């Protein structure tokens, strides 16, 4: 879940509600961004998605490991190359329309390991 969208009411236990472990420690959990992997170490999946979008098709890119800032940069690049809109949220890139083939060629030419998932 995105940290910005969490309720501001109670954030003291970072999701821990109840534990039967008597030795449970409530320590600080490190939520720092992980390092972005090199493009040749990324395992990206490109698929077409129509669920909960009113029948509209979007190209969904998942599997990116790294900082949100780098994911947004990749999303911006793909949106500009395809000439359409889209968004980056929940560690996924959504591109409006069916651009699976074009995105696959763009990602592989940029050095990413990408594969087509689904039909």
Protein backbone atom coordinates (compact mmCIF):
# COMPACT_ATOMS: atom_id res chain seq x y z
CA UNK A 1 0.00 0.00 0.00
CA UNK A 2 1.24 3.46 -0.84
CA UNK A 3 2.47 5.30 2.25
CA UNK A 4 0.84 8.57 1.13
CA UNK A 5 -2.62 7.00 1.11
CA UNK A 6 -2.46 5.51 4.61
CA UNK A 7 -4.78 6.87 7.22
CA UNK A 8 -3.21 9.55 9.36
CA UNK A 9 -5.21 8.45 12.43
CA UNK A 10 -2.96 5.70 13.75
CA UNK A 11 0.43 4.76 12.38
CA UNK A 12 2.24 3.69 15.53
CA UNK A 13 2.49 -0.05 14.96
CA UNK A 14 3.01 -0.19 11.16
CA UNK A 15 0.20 -2.66 10.51
CA UNK A 16 0.66 -4.89 13.55
CA UNK A 17 -2.74 -5.43 15.13
CA UNK A 18 -2.33 -8.39 17.46
CA UNK A 19 0.37 -10.91 18.24
CA UNK A 20 0.33 -13.96 20.50
CA UNK A 21 4.12 -13.97 20.61
CA UNK A 22 5.16 -12.75 24.09
CA UNK A 23 8.61 -11.80 22.74
CA UNK A 24 7.22 -9.60 19.95
CA UNK A 25 9.17 -6.37 19.66
CA UNK A 26 7.65 -3.26 18.12
CA UNK A 27 10.73 -1.89 16.45
CA UNK A 28 11.05 0.58 13.66
CA UNK A 29 10.53 -1.01 10.28
CA UNK A 30 12.77 0.42 7.58
CA UNK A 31 10.64 1.53 4.62
CA UNK A 32 13.50 3.03 2.64
CA UNK A 33 13.45 2.70 -1.12
CA UNK A 34 15.43 -0.18 -2.47
CA UNK A 35 18.14 0.38 -5.03
CA UNK A 36 17.08 0.28 -8.66
CA UNK A 37 18.41 -2.77 -10.45
CA UNK A 38 20.23 -2.43 -13.74
CA UNK A 39 17.94 -2.77 -16.77
CA UNK A 40 19.47 -6.13 -17.73
CA UNK A 41 18.56 -7.50 -14.27
CA UNK A 42 14.92 -6.35 -14.35
CA UNK A 43 12.23 -8.93 -15.13
CA UNK A 44 9.40 -6.83 -16.57
CA UNK A 45 6.06 -8.30 -17.62
CA UNK A 46 3.88 -6.60 -20.24
CA UNK A 47 0.21 -7.51 -20.48
CA UNK A 48 -3.13 -6.18 -21.66
CA UNK A 49 -5.63 -5.41 -18.91
CA UNK A 50 -9.33 -4.52 -19.19
CA UNK A 51 -10.50 -5.26 -15.66
CA UNK A 52 -12.39 -2.52 -13.79
CA UNK A 53 -11.77 0.00 -16.55
CA UNK A 54 -15.16 0.13 -18.24
CA UNK A 55 -14.01 -2.08 -21.11
CA UNK A 56 -11.09 0.20 -21.96
CA UNK A 57 -7.80 -1.57 -22.61
CA UNK A 58 -4.57 -0.55 -20.92
CA UNK A 59 -1.09 -1.96 -21.28
CA UNK A 60 0.19 -2.96 -17.85
CA UNK A 61 3.91 -3.18 -17.08
CA UNK A 62 4.80 -4.90 -13.80
CA UNK A 63 7.87 -6.35 -12.11
CA UNK A 64 9.99 -3.20 -11.79
CA UNK A 65 12.35 -3.31 -8.81
CA UNK A 66 13.72 0.00 -7.64
CA UNK A 67 12.96 3.54 -6.61
CA UNK A 68 9.60 5.14 -7.36
CA UNK A 69 11.41 8.01 -9.04
CA UNK A 70 13.05 5.68 -11.58
CA UNK A 71 9.74 3.91 -12.21
CA UNK A 72 8.08 7.26 -12.93
CA UNK A 73 10.88 8.16 -15.34
CA UNK A 74 10.40 4.88 -17.20
CA UNK A 75 6.63 5.44 -17.29
CA UNK A 76 7.13 8.95 -18.66
CA UNK A 77 9.46 7.62 -21.36
CA UNK A 78 7.00 4.93 -22.43
CA UNK A 79 4.06 7.34 -22.48
CA UNK A 80 5.96 9.82 -24.64
CA UNK A 81 7.21 7.14 -27.07
CA UNK A 82 3.69 5.73 -27.48
CA UNK A 83 2.10 9.19 -27.67
CA UNK A 84 -0.65 8.38 -25.20
CA UNK A 85 -1.54 8.98 -21.57
CA UNK A 86 -1.05 6.73 -18.63
CA UNK A 87 -0.06 6.61 -14.99
CA UNK A 88 2.35 5.03 -12.55
CA UNK A 89 0.87 3.65 -9.33
CA UNK A 90 1.24 0.64 -7.04
CA UNK A 91 4.60 -0.27 -8.66
CA UNK A 92 2.88 -0.64 -12.04
CA UNK A 93 2.95 1.40 -15.22
CA UNK A 94 -0.40 1.80 -16.98
CA UNK A 95 -0.36 2.95 -20.61
CA UNK A 96 -3.70 3.75 -22.23
CA UNK A 97 -4.43 1.46 -25.17
CA UNK A 98 -2.94 -1.76 -26.52
CA UNK A 99 0.77 -1.03 -27.05
CA UNK A 100 2.23 -4.38 -25.96
CA UNK A 101 4.38 -4.96 -29.03
CA UNK A 102 5.71 -1.40 -29.19
CA UNK A 103 6.49 -1.35 -25.45
CA UNK A 104 8.25 -4.73 -25.68
CA UNK A 105 10.52 -3.46 -28.43
CA UNK A 106 11.18 -0.20 -26.54
CA UNK A 107 12.05 -2.05 -23.33
CA UNK A 108 14.29 -4.63 -24.98
CA UNK A 109 16.10 -1.94 -27.00
CA UNK A 110 16.71 -0.09 -23.70
CA UNK A 111 18.30 -3.22 -22.23
CA UNK A 112 15.41 -4.46 -20.06
CA UNK A 113 14.42 -8.10 -19.88
CA UNK A 114 10.75 -7.98 -20.76
CA UNK A 115 8.28 -10.65 -21.73
CA UNK A 116 4.69 -10.69 -22.88
CA UNK A 117 2.21 -12.19 -20.43
CA UNK A 118 -1.28 -13.36 -21.36
CA UNK A 119 -2.95 -13.64 -24.75
